[in-house]
Amino acid sequence: MREVLVRGTCFEVTATRIEEGVVRGLVAWGGFVSLFAPGSGVPSKSSNSNTSNSNGTNGAKQNFTKHGNIRADGGINFAMPVPLGQYSIIYPHGLPVTAGFSRHTPIKTKLKLDDIVEVVETRVEDGKVRGRLSAIICAAGISRGWISIFDPSCRWAKFVGRDSSGNGNGGSGKGASGHRHSQRGTSGRKLDF
C-alpha cells in the first residue's frame, strides 16, 4: 500500500480492472484504488445497522461503513464518479472559462450565476475537479473551454442532469463519449484548490 487517501480526495482514474471481485482504478499519479465492490443484488441486513449520513447528492441519505457507503445491491462504493452532463453555475462572481485544462491558461470568458453548461469530460488538477465544456454561446460568439467544478472544500457548479443524448457516467471511468472522468473518493488524500 503506497498511501491512504482521506475522505473527499479528488483523483483521476485512467483505467479500471477487477481484482478479487473489487473494481479497482488506476490513479493518474500512479497506483490503484478500490472504486467499488459489487453486491449480491440483495440489500444486506447489516446495512440497516449503520448510521445514515447525507452524501450531498440531491438530499439522498445513504448508509456508510468505515471505508465507504453501502449500495442498494449490498455492495460498497469506495469512490463516487463525477457525472458528465449539465451543470448550473453557483459561483456568483463570474466563473472563468479557461482556454485549456489548466486553470492557469488564458481566460476566454466568465460564466454568470445560474448559467447552464454541458460538461463532456472531467479531469483533476491540484485537487480541483475541472470540466471541459461543449460549445457555449457567449457575447464573443461560440466558445469552448474548461471550468473548475469543485474541490474538497468549495463548489462552483452543481450537477443538474444528463444531456438529451443520455451522457452521464456509467461507473466505468469514462463518459459515453469515451472521455476520462474523475472520481471523488469517499476515503482519500485531501488536496487543495
Protein backbone atom coordinates (compact mmCIF):
# COMPACT_ATOMS: atom_id res chain seq x y z
CA MET A 1 0.00 0.00 0.00
CA ARG A 2 1.52 3.33 -1.12
CA GLU A 3 -0.67 5.73 0.85
CA VAL A 4 -4.10 6.08 2.40
CA LEU A 5 -6.40 8.63 0.78
CA VAL A 6 -8.52 10.80 3.08
CA ARG A 7 -12.28 11.15 2.57
CA GLY A 8 -13.12 13.75 -0.10
CA THR A 9 -9.94 13.45 -2.17
CA CYS A 10 -10.45 14.14 -5.87
CA PHE A 11 -8.50 11.88 -8.19
CA GLU A 12 -8.44 10.92 -11.84
CA VAL A 13 -8.94 7.30 -12.90
CA THR A 14 -7.25 6.41 -16.18
CA ALA A 15 -8.13 2.70 -16.35
CA THR A 16 -10.06 0.09 -14.38
CA ARG A 17 -9.71 -3.60 -13.64
CA ILE A 18 -11.41 -6.24 -11.48
CA GLU A 19 -9.24 -7.71 -8.75
CA GLU A 20 -10.66 -10.37 -6.40
CA GLY A 21 -14.21 -9.18 -7.10
CA VAL A 22 -13.45 -5.48 -6.44
CA VAL A 23 -13.38 -2.86 -9.21
CA ARG A 24 -10.06 -1.01 -8.94
CA GLY A 25 -8.98 2.16 -10.72
CA LEU A 26 -5.52 3.17 -11.92
CA VAL A 27 -4.98 6.65 -10.47
CA ALA A 28 -3.35 9.26 -12.76
CA TRP A 29 -0.46 9.84 -10.32
CA GLY A 30 0.19 6.08 -10.08
CA GLY A 31 -1.12 3.15 -8.10
CA PHE A 32 -4.55 1.57 -7.84
CA VAL A 33 -7.51 2.45 -5.63
CA SER A 34 -10.65 0.44 -4.84
CA LEU A 35 -13.68 2.04 -6.52
CA PHE A 36 -16.48 -0.35 -5.55
CA ALA A 37 -17.29 -3.91 -4.58
CA PRO A 38 -20.44 -5.20 -6.31
CA GLY A 39 -23.10 -6.74 -4.08
CA SER A 40 -25.23 -9.81 -4.44
CA GLY A 41 -28.18 -7.84 -5.78
CA VAL A 42 -29.99 -8.20 -2.46
CA PRO A 43 -29.59 -5.47 0.18
CA SER A 44 -27.64 -6.79 3.14
CA LYS A 45 -29.27 -6.91 6.58
CA SER A 46 -26.12 -5.37 8.11
CA SER A 47 -26.71 -2.16 6.12
CA ASN A 48 -29.65 -1.38 8.39
CA SER A 49 -27.43 -1.19 11.46
CA ASN A 50 -25.11 1.50 10.11
CA THR A 51 -25.68 5.17 10.82
CA SER A 52 -27.19 7.14 7.98
CA ASN A 53 -25.34 10.22 6.70
CA SER A 54 -26.09 12.61 3.86
CA ASN A 55 -23.81 12.11 0.87
CA GLY A 56 -24.58 15.55 -0.56
CA THR A 57 -26.35 14.43 -3.71
CA ASN A 58 -29.96 15.54 -4.15
CA GLY A 59 -30.54 15.29 -0.39
CA ALA A 60 -30.45 11.49 -0.54
CA LYS A 61 -29.41 9.51 2.52
CA GLN A 62 -27.07 6.54 2.28
CA ASN A 63 -25.54 4.16 4.79
CA PHE A 64 -21.80 4.46 5.37
CA THR A 65 -19.27 1.97 6.67
CA LYS A 66 -15.82 2.92 7.91
CA HIS A 67 -14.42 2.75 4.35
CA GLY A 68 -17.33 3.52 2.01
CA ASN A 69 -21.08 3.63 1.53
CA ILE A 70 -23.36 0.65 1.12
CA ARG A 71 -25.09 0.38 -2.24
CA ALA A 72 -28.69 -0.75 -2.79
CA ASP A 73 -27.41 -4.11 -4.07
CA GLY A 74 -25.44 -4.70 -0.86
CA GLY A 75 -22.10 -3.72 -2.43
CA ILE A 76 -19.84 -0.92 -1.21
CA ASN A 77 -18.80 2.29 -3.02
CA PHE A 78 -15.33 3.49 -2.06
CA ALA A 79 -15.41 6.41 -4.52
CA MET A 80 -18.12 8.32 -6.32
CA PRO A 81 -17.79 9.21 -10.02
CA VAL A 82 -18.21 12.81 -11.12
CA PRO A 83 -21.08 12.73 -13.63
CA LEU A 84 -20.92 14.20 -17.12
CA GLY A 85 -23.85 16.30 -18.23
CA GLN A 86 -25.45 19.63 -17.41
CA TYR A 87 -24.14 21.81 -14.58
CA SER A 88 -25.56 25.03 -13.17
CA ILE A 89 -23.08 27.73 -12.17
CA ILE A 90 -23.45 28.53 -8.45
CA TYR A 91 -20.45 30.87 -8.18
CA PRO A 92 -21.85 34.45 -8.12
CA HIS A 93 -18.68 36.37 -9.14
CA GLY A 94 -18.16 35.22 -12.74
CA LEU A 95 -16.72 31.69 -13.13
CA PRO A 96 -13.72 31.78 -15.51
CA VAL A 97 -13.77 29.58 -18.61
CA THR A 98 -10.13 28.89 -19.47
CA ALA A 99 -8.72 28.00 -22.88
CA GLY A 100 -7.04 24.82 -21.67
CA PHE A 101 -7.26 22.15 -18.98
CA SER A 102 -5.03 24.09 -16.58
CA ARG A 103 -6.72 26.88 -14.66
CA HIS A 104 -3.59 28.93 -15.41
CA THR A 105 -4.34 29.09 -19.17
CA PRO A 106 -5.89 32.29 -20.58
CA ILE A 107 -9.48 33.13 -19.57
CA LYS A 108 -11.81 33.13 -22.58
CA THR A 109 -14.98 34.32 -20.85
CA LYS A 110 -16.75 34.24 -17.47
CA LEU A 111 -19.99 32.44 -16.71
CA LYS A 112 -22.76 34.04 -14.67
CA LEU A 113 -24.72 32.68 -11.73
CA ASP A 114 -27.32 30.12 -12.89
CA ASP A 115 -25.79 29.69 -16.39
CA ILE A 116 -26.18 26.08 -17.57
CA VAL A 117 -23.24 24.36 -19.27
CA GLU A 118 -22.60 20.89 -20.70
CA VAL A 119 -19.57 19.11 -19.18
CA VAL A 120 -18.25 16.42 -21.56
CA GLU A 121 -15.02 15.45 -19.74
CA THR A 122 -13.58 15.89 -16.26
CA ARG A 123 -10.00 15.89 -15.03
CA VAL A 124 -8.28 16.71 -11.73
CA GLU A 125 -5.70 19.49 -11.39
CA ASP A 126 -4.16 20.29 -8.00
CA GLY A 127 -7.10 18.66 -6.19
CA LYS A 128 -9.76 20.52 -8.21
CA VAL A 129 -12.18 18.75 -10.50
CA ARG A 130 -12.18 20.63 -13.81
CA GLY A 131 -14.77 20.14 -16.53
CA ARG A 132 -14.37 20.51 -20.29
CA LEU A 133 -17.38 22.24 -21.79
CA SER A 134 -19.08 21.53 -25.06
CA ALA A 135 -19.60 24.71 -27.08
CA ILE A 136 -21.05 27.64 -25.15
CA ILE A 137 -22.64 30.69 -26.70
CA CYS A 138 -21.43 33.95 -25.17
CA ALA A 139 -21.00 37.62 -26.13
CA ALA A 140 -17.78 36.77 -28.02
CA GLY A 141 -19.56 34.07 -30.08
CA ILE A 142 -19.28 30.32 -29.72
CA SER A 143 -16.56 29.23 -27.31
CA ARG A 144 -15.15 26.08 -25.72
CA GLY A 145 -13.08 25.72 -22.61
CA TRP A 146 -12.67 24.39 -19.06
CA ILE A 147 -14.18 25.37 -15.71
CA SER A 148 -13.49 24.41 -12.10
CA ILE A 149 -16.44 22.37 -10.77
CA PHE A 150 -15.41 21.62 -7.18
CA ASP A 151 -12.66 20.67 -4.78
CA PRO A 152 -12.98 19.08 -1.31
CA SER A 153 -13.82 22.43 0.32
CA CYS A 154 -15.63 24.50 -2.36
CA ARG A 155 -18.12 24.08 -5.22
CA TRP A 156 -18.51 26.40 -8.25
CA ALA A 157 -21.05 24.41 -10.27
CA LYS A 158 -23.64 21.77 -9.39
CA PHE A 159 -24.79 18.81 -11.44
CA VAL A 160 -28.37 19.25 -12.66
CA GLY A 161 -28.80 16.36 -15.11
CA ARG A 162 -27.67 14.47 -18.14
CA ASP A 163 -27.90 15.91 -21.63
CA SER A 164 -30.51 14.78 -24.14
CA SER A 165 -28.18 12.09 -25.56
CA GLY A 166 -28.03 10.37 -22.17
CA ASN A 167 -24.43 11.33 -21.48
CA GLY A 168 -23.52 10.67 -17.92
CA ASN A 169 -21.36 8.24 -16.10
CA GLY A 170 -21.76 4.53 -16.15
CA GLY A 171 -19.22 3.91 -13.40
CA SER A 172 -16.61 2.91 -15.97
CA GLY A 173 -14.31 5.90 -15.52
CA LYS A 174 -15.31 7.14 -18.98
CA GLY A 175 -18.32 9.05 -20.19
CA ALA A 176 -20.48 7.95 -23.09
CA SER A 177 -18.13 9.81 -25.44
CA GLY A 178 -15.16 7.79 -24.16
CA HIS A 179 -13.54 10.71 -22.33
CA ARG A 180 -11.93 10.21 -18.94
CA HIS A 181 -13.67 11.49 -15.91
CA SER A 182 -12.83 11.98 -12.30
CA GLN A 183 -13.74 10.30 -9.06
CA ARG A 184 -14.28 11.78 -5.65
CA GLY A 185 -13.12 9.35 -3.01
CA THR A 186 -15.26 8.56 -0.01
CA SER A 187 -11.92 7.81 1.56
CA GLY A 188 -8.92 9.68 0.09
CA ARG A 189 -5.96 12.17 0.28
CA LYS A 190 -7.02 15.81 0.78
CA LEU A 191 -5.78 18.22 -1.88
CA ASP A 192 -6.24 21.97 -2.35
CA PHE A 193 -7.73 24.40 -4.98
